Protein backbone atom coordinates (compact mmCIF):
# COMPACT_ATOMS: atom_id res chain seq x y z
CA UNK A 1 46.19 -72.29 -6.65
CA UNK A 2 46.56 -68.70 -7.88
CA UNK A 3 45.64 -65.32 -6.52
CA UNK A 4 42.40 -63.93 -7.92
CA UNK A 5 42.33 -60.55 -9.65
CA UNK A 6 39.84 -58.97 -7.26
CA UNK A 7 41.57 -59.46 -3.90
CA UNK A 8 39.54 -57.68 -1.19
CA UNK A 9 40.98 -54.48 0.19
CA UNK A 10 42.28 -54.30 3.73
CA UNK A 11 40.43 -51.98 6.09
CA UNK A 12 41.85 -49.39 8.42
CA UNK A 13 40.11 -50.64 11.57
CA UNK A 14 40.65 -47.27 13.22
CA UNK A 15 38.22 -45.67 10.75
CA UNK A 16 35.29 -47.96 9.99
CA UNK A 17 32.38 -46.21 11.72
CA UNK A 18 30.59 -42.88 11.43
CA UNK A 19 29.26 -42.44 14.95
CA UNK A 20 27.17 -39.74 16.63
CA UNK A 21 28.96 -37.36 18.97
CA UNK A 22 28.27 -36.99 22.68
CA UNK A 23 26.45 -33.75 21.88
CA UNK A 24 24.10 -35.65 19.56
CA UNK A 25 22.77 -37.72 22.47
CA UNK A 26 19.60 -36.62 24.28
CA UNK A 27 20.25 -34.39 27.29
CA UNK A 28 18.93 -36.98 29.73
CA UNK A 29 21.28 -39.62 28.28
CA UNK A 30 24.27 -37.30 28.56
CA UNK A 31 23.32 -36.49 32.14
CA UNK A 32 22.99 -40.16 33.08
CA UNK A 33 26.35 -41.02 31.52
CA UNK A 34 27.99 -38.22 33.52
CA UNK A 35 26.28 -39.48 36.66
CA UNK A 36 27.53 -43.02 36.03
CA UNK A 37 31.02 -41.66 35.37
CA UNK A 38 30.92 -39.64 38.57
CA UNK A 39 31.91 -36.27 37.16
CA UNK A 40 31.19 -33.51 34.67
CA UNK A 41 32.22 -34.27 31.09
CA UNK A 42 34.71 -31.75 29.69
CA UNK A 43 35.84 -33.53 26.49
CA UNK A 44 34.10 -36.25 24.52
CA UNK A 45 35.73 -37.40 21.27
CA UNK A 46 33.86 -40.35 19.71
CA UNK A 47 35.75 -43.33 18.36
CA UNK A 48 35.55 -44.28 14.70
CA UNK A 49 36.28 -47.99 15.04
CA UNK A 50 33.65 -50.72 15.01
CA UNK A 51 30.73 -51.44 12.70
CA UNK A 52 27.70 -49.76 14.27
CA UNK A 53 26.33 -46.23 14.26
CA UNK A 54 25.79 -46.23 18.02
CA UNK A 55 27.64 -43.79 20.28
CA UNK A 56 31.00 -44.87 21.70
CA UNK A 57 33.69 -42.59 23.00
CA UNK A 58 36.13 -41.53 25.66
CA UNK A 59 34.78 -39.06 28.21
CA UNK A 60 37.30 -36.80 29.94
CA UNK A 61 35.98 -35.60 33.29
CA UNK A 62 36.44 -32.36 35.21
CA UNK A 63 38.39 -34.11 37.98
CA UNK A 64 41.03 -35.35 35.52
CA UNK A 65 39.76 -38.91 35.21
CA UNK A 66 38.56 -40.52 31.98
CA UNK A 67 36.08 -43.28 31.23
CA UNK A 68 34.83 -45.00 28.11
CA UNK A 69 31.11 -44.87 27.37
CA UNK A 70 28.62 -46.39 24.96
CA UNK A 71 24.96 -45.60 24.32
CA UNK A 72 22.40 -47.04 21.91
CA UNK A 73 18.67 -46.83 21.38
CA UNK A 74 16.27 -48.84 19.24
CA UNK A 75 17.65 -47.27 16.06
CA UNK A 76 20.77 -49.42 16.65
CA UNK A 77 19.20 -52.66 17.93
CA UNK A 78 22.34 -54.81 17.73
CA UNK A 79 24.39 -52.26 19.66
CA UNK A 80 21.61 -51.86 22.22
CA UNK A 81 21.55 -55.60 22.96
CA UNK A 82 25.36 -55.69 22.89
CA UNK A 83 25.56 -53.02 25.60
CA UNK A 84 23.26 -55.00 27.86
CA UNK A 85 25.30 -58.13 27.31
CA UNK A 86 28.65 -56.43 27.78
CA UNK A 87 27.45 -54.90 31.04
CA UNK A 88 26.68 -58.36 32.41
CA UNK A 89 29.92 -59.88 31.11
CA UNK A 90 32.18 -57.15 32.52
CA UNK A 91 30.45 -57.40 35.89
CA UNK A 92 31.27 -61.12 36.06
CA UNK A 93 34.80 -60.81 34.66
CA UNK A 94 35.71 -58.07 37.15
CA UNK A 95 38.91 -57.25 35.29
CA UNK A 96 39.89 -60.85 34.49
CA UNK A 97 41.09 -61.75 30.98
CA UNK A 98 42.49 -58.21 30.69
CA UNK A 99 38.93 -56.87 30.27
CA UNK A 100 38.20 -53.27 31.32
CA UNK A 101 36.52 -52.77 34.67
CA UNK A 102 32.83 -51.90 34.60
CA UNK A 103 32.04 -48.49 36.10
CA UNK A 104 28.28 -48.67 35.68
CA UNK A 105 25.35 -49.28 33.35
CA UNK A 106 21.81 -47.96 33.10
CA UNK A 107 18.66 -47.65 31.02
CA UNK A 108 17.11 -44.30 30.10
CA UNK A 109 13.80 -44.88 28.34
CA UNK A 110 14.69 -46.89 25.22
CA UNK A 111 18.42 -46.14 25.62
CA UNK A 112 20.97 -48.56 27.07
CA UNK A 113 24.17 -47.11 28.55
CA UNK A 114 27.48 -48.47 29.78
CA UNK A 115 30.50 -46.75 31.33
CA UNK A 116 33.77 -48.58 31.81
CA UNK A 117 37.45 -48.08 32.46
CA UNK A 118 39.18 -46.07 29.73
CA UNK A 119 42.26 -47.96 28.55
CA UNK A 120 45.10 -45.72 27.39
CA UNK A 121 47.10 -47.29 24.59
CA UNK A 122 47.21 -48.17 20.92
CA UNK A 123 45.32 -50.47 18.60
CA UNK A 124 47.59 -53.33 17.50
CA UNK A 125 47.56 -54.92 14.08
CA UNK A 126 48.05 -51.80 11.94
CA UNK A 127 50.12 -53.70 10.87
CA UNK A 128 50.80 -56.59 13.21
CA UNK A 129 54.22 -56.81 14.83
CA UNK A 130 55.71 -59.69 16.76
CA UNK A 131 55.78 -57.56 19.92
CA UNK A 132 52.08 -56.75 19.71
CA UNK A 133 51.19 -60.33 18.82
CA UNK A 134 53.14 -61.61 21.83
CA UNK A 135 51.22 -59.17 24.04
CA UNK A 136 47.90 -60.50 22.73
CA UNK A 137 49.14 -64.05 23.22
CA UNK A 138 49.78 -63.27 26.88
CA UNK A 139 46.28 -61.82 27.18
CA UNK A 140 44.79 -64.99 25.71
CA UNK A 141 46.79 -67.05 28.20
CA UNK A 142 45.28 -64.90 30.96
CA UNK A 143 41.79 -65.48 29.56
CA UNK A 144 42.41 -69.22 29.67
CA UNK A 145 42.81 -68.89 33.45
CA UNK A 146 39.30 -67.53 34.05
CA UNK A 147 37.76 -69.95 36.60
CA UNK A 148 35.17 -72.42 35.38
CA UNK A 149 32.44 -71.06 37.66
CA UNK A 150 32.95 -67.57 36.25
CA UNK A 151 32.74 -68.90 32.68
CA UNK A 152 29.47 -70.65 33.51
CA UNK A 153 28.09 -67.44 34.99
CA UNK A 154 29.19 -65.46 31.93
CA UNK A 155 27.31 -67.39 29.28
CA UNK A 156 25.49 -70.55 28.30
CA UNK A 157 26.37 -70.03 24.63
CA UNK A 158 28.57 -72.70 23.06
CA UNK A 159 30.95 -71.84 20.24
CA UNK A 160 30.66 -75.41 18.96
CA UNK A 161 26.96 -74.76 18.32
CA UNK A 162 26.88 -71.08 17.40
CA UNK A 163 29.81 -71.22 14.97
CA UNK A 164 31.00 -74.79 14.64
CA UNK A 165 27.58 -76.16 13.69
CA UNK A 166 26.21 -73.03 12.02
CA UNK A 167 24.09 -74.31 9.11
CA UNK A 168 24.49 -71.04 7.23
CA UNK A 169 28.29 -71.35 7.16
CA UNK A 170 28.27 -75.06 6.40
CA UNK A 171 25.65 -74.77 3.66
CA UNK A 172 27.54 -71.90 2.05
CA UNK A 173 30.62 -74.08 1.61
CA UNK A 174 28.62 -77.13 0.51
CA UNK A 175 26.90 -75.02 -2.15
CA UNK A 176 30.24 -73.73 -3.39
CA UNK A 177 31.76 -77.20 -3.40
CA UNK A 178 28.80 -78.65 -5.27
CA UNK A 179 28.67 -75.88 -7.84
CA UNK A 180 25.22 -74.75 -6.70
CA UNK A 181 26.60 -71.26 -6.03
CA UNK A 182 29.35 -69.64 -8.09
CA UNK A 183 32.73 -69.18 -6.46
CA UNK A 184 33.06 -65.51 -5.41
CA UNK A 185 35.16 -63.52 -7.84
CA UNK A 186 36.91 -61.75 -4.96
CA UNK A 187 38.03 -65.00 -3.27
CA UNK A 188 41.19 -66.88 -4.20
CA UNK A 189 40.11 -69.71 -6.54
CA UNK A 190 40.31 -73.35 -5.46
CA UNK A 191 40.13 -76.53 -7.47
CA UNK A 192 37.02 -78.69 -7.20
CA UNK A 193 38.92 -81.09 -4.95
CA UNK A 194 40.08 -78.27 -2.68
CA UNK A 195 36.55 -76.87 -2.43
CA UNK A 196 35.30 -80.26 -1.31
CA UNK A 197 38.11 -80.48 1.24
CA UNK A 198 37.22 -77.00 2.50
CA UNK A 199 33.58 -78.00 3.03
CA UNK A 200 34.63 -81.26 4.64
CA UNK A 201 36.92 -79.51 7.10
CA UNK A 202 34.16 -77.12 8.12
CA UNK A 203 31.93 -80.10 8.79
CA UNK A 204 34.25 -81.05 11.66
CA UNK A 205 34.17 -77.60 13.27
CA UNK A 206 31.44 -78.54 15.74
CA UNK A 207 33.72 -81.10 17.37
CA UNK A 208 36.81 -78.91 16.96
CA UNK A 209 35.24 -75.98 18.81
CA UNK A 210 33.92 -77.89 21.81
CA UNK A 211 35.32 -76.53 25.06
CA UNK A 212 34.58 -75.01 28.44
CA UNK A 213 36.80 -71.93 28.54
CA UNK A 214 35.87 -68.32 27.93
CA UNK A 215 35.98 -67.20 24.30
CA UNK A 216 35.80 -63.50 23.47
CA UNK A 217 34.55 -64.41 20.02
CA UNK A 218 35.24 -61.12 18.23
CA UNK A 219 38.93 -60.45 18.71
CA UNK A 220 39.93 -58.03 15.96
CA UNK A 221 42.48 -55.19 16.06
CA UNK A 222 39.74 -52.70 17.01
CA UNK A 223 38.73 -54.84 19.99
CA UNK A 224 42.24 -54.77 21.42
CA UNK A 225 44.29 -52.04 23.07
CA UNK A 226 47.95 -52.45 24.02
CA UNK A 227 48.32 -50.24 27.07
CA UNK A 228 51.33 -48.25 28.27
CA UNK A 229 52.67 -51.26 30.20
CA UNK A 230 52.64 -53.45 27.08
CA UNK A 231 49.59 -55.39 28.25
CA UNK A 232 47.02 -56.22 25.58
CA UNK A 233 43.55 -55.42 26.86
CA UNK A 234 40.53 -57.15 25.33
CA UNK A 235 37.51 -54.86 24.90
CA UNK A 236 33.99 -55.10 23.45
CA UNK A 237 32.84 -58.25 25.21
CA UNK A 238 29.46 -58.94 23.62
CA UNK A 239 30.03 -62.18 21.69
CA UNK A 240 31.34 -64.22 24.61
CA UNK A 241 30.82 -67.99 24.59
CA UNK A 242 32.32 -71.22 25.89
CA UNK A 243 34.86 -73.02 23.76
CA UNK A 244 38.55 -73.96 23.46
CA UNK A 245 41.14 -71.53 24.80
CA UNK A 246 43.07 -71.33 21.53
CA UNK A 247 40.30 -69.90 19.34
CA UNK A 248 40.69 -66.18 20.04
CA UNK A 249 44.42 -66.10 19.39
CA UNK A 250 44.30 -68.38 16.35
CA UNK A 251 41.53 -66.19 14.98
CA UNK A 252 44.11 -63.41 14.71
CA UNK A 253 46.62 -65.53 12.82
CA UNK A 254 45.17 -64.89 9.34
CA UNK A 255 45.71 -61.13 9.57
CA UNK A 256 49.08 -61.61 11.25
CA UNK A 257 50.15 -63.91 8.40
CA UNK A 258 48.81 -61.42 5.86
CA UNK A 259 51.10 -58.82 7.46
CA UNK A 260 54.09 -61.11 7.07
CA UNK A 261 54.39 -62.70 10.52
CA UNK A 262 55.32 -66.37 10.71
CA UNK A 263 52.48 -67.67 12.88
CA UNK A 264 54.19 -71.04 13.33
CA UNK A 265 56.14 -69.14 16.01
CA UNK A 266 53.17 -69.78 18.34
CA UNK A 267 52.43 -73.40 17.45
CA UNK A 268 54.11 -74.45 20.70
CA UNK A 269 51.90 -72.17 22.80
CA UNK A 270 50.31 -73.63 25.94
CA UNK A 271 47.02 -72.71 24.28
CA UNK A 272 47.66 -75.32 21.59
CA UNK A 273 49.10 -78.20 23.58
CA UNK A 274 47.36 -81.37 22.45
CA UNK A 275 45.29 -79.57 19.82
CA UNK A 276 44.94 -81.45 16.52
CA UNK A 277 46.06 -79.22 13.62
CA UNK A 278 42.95 -80.36 11.77
CA UNK A 279 40.85 -78.74 14.51
CA UNK A 280 42.52 -75.42 13.76
CA UNK A 281 41.89 -75.95 10.05
CA UNK A 282 38.24 -76.80 10.71
CA UNK A 283 37.89 -73.49 12.56
CA UNK A 284 39.52 -71.56 9.73
CA UNK A 285 37.26 -73.29 7.21
CA UNK A 286 33.97 -72.62 8.97
CA UNK A 287 34.84 -68.93 9.36
CA UNK A 288 35.44 -68.77 5.60
CA UNK A 289 31.95 -70.17 5.06
CA UNK A 290 30.36 -67.75 7.51
CA UNK A 291 32.08 -64.71 6.04
CA UNK A 292 31.32 -65.72 2.44
CA UNK A 293 27.64 -65.93 3.31
CA UNK A 294 27.57 -62.66 5.26
CA UNK A 295 29.45 -60.82 2.52
CA UNK A 296 26.48 -61.44 0.21
CA UNK A 297 24.28 -59.24 2.40
CA UNK A 298 22.90 -55.76 1.87
CA UNK A 299 25.57 -53.14 1.25
CA UNK A 300 23.27 -50.26 0.35
CA UNK A 301 24.52 -47.88 3.06
CA UNK A 302 28.09 -46.70 3.73
CA UNK A 303 28.21 -48.52 7.09
CA UNK A 304 27.00 -51.78 5.56
CA UNK A 305 29.44 -51.43 2.68
CA UNK A 306 32.32 -51.21 5.17
CA UNK A 307 31.02 -54.26 7.04
CA UNK A 308 30.80 -56.27 3.80
CA UNK A 309 34.36 -55.23 2.94
CA UNK A 310 35.49 -56.49 6.36
CA UNK A 311 33.70 -59.80 5.79
CA UNK A 312 35.25 -60.29 2.34
CA UNK A 313 38.71 -59.46 3.65
CA UNK A 314 38.25 -61.83 6.61
CA UNK A 315 37.22 -64.67 4.30
CA UNK A 316 40.20 -63.91 2.07
CA UNK A 317 42.79 -63.96 4.87
CA UNK A 318 41.33 -67.04 6.59
CA UNK A 319 41.34 -68.95 3.31
CA UNK A 320 44.89 -67.80 2.54
CA UNK A 321 46.19 -69.15 5.84
CA UNK A 322 44.21 -72.37 5.48
CA UNK A 323 45.51 -72.86 1.94
CA UNK A 324 49.07 -72.40 3.18
CA UNK A 325 48.54 -74.91 5.99
CA UNK A 326 46.92 -77.47 3.66
CA UNK A 327 49.51 -76.87 0.91
CA UNK A 328 46.85 -75.99 -1.66
CA UNK A 329 49.29 -74.71 -4.25
């Protein structure tokens, strides 16, 4: 196996979005956000992380407090639905799993709003360090302790169905293995035998991802903040599902490995006790399939182009770790 000539570029996850400012929001939306926050807004820098054009930013208040706010209307339909879902999830989590505390949520005409605890800290993974990775590992251990009744209240979605049995991801790999679709020029080449093994592994992801614990489902550097106490806080809870406790942390391994960390350091984690290594490989494989398919999508706008770059890079790093684990050399 050799490295392809068009290896996808790594993104700076601190600068992936071009968002509106607080001043760009309608007056009634700004007023409702201030009301939810409980004070007059005196500073309002937007964040530039994420992959939507919806508003998100830290609001500094006249009384010295700060909150984090999001707002989206029908021009950003995914973000609008995500705000509604995150509001419900944070209400149920009530600070568990290192999630921020919900301050309040509301609807103003077609707008959906959420205000939550502002977490002071830094985005990890730029690049990954062992210290930051250990902090996230502790957060994932905390998430594994969320009580079963809370998980049931959070979501009925099953990762084994939504990802593990995703026909789009599975068909993408089958088509590549069978030569129906050409192998992407930006993805590290595999032999025909390795492509078949990749598709076969993904076919077991449904069983591998069965579980009953809370899964964040979108744990990237920009959805994590390491606070001033060294605690990793998980934010942006809008892809939550039920699945195995190890998935969120293992989903960070590809980027950690890309940054030079030896991820075998965490193979003895309580999250992975009794877990078949092939289950981990099945997860890595199905994500490759999903990202390969998504990376084929429309990239006609700057925001979509950044999203496609993220998807290509994710497929690249997941395949690289899987290839290392399977000794595809």
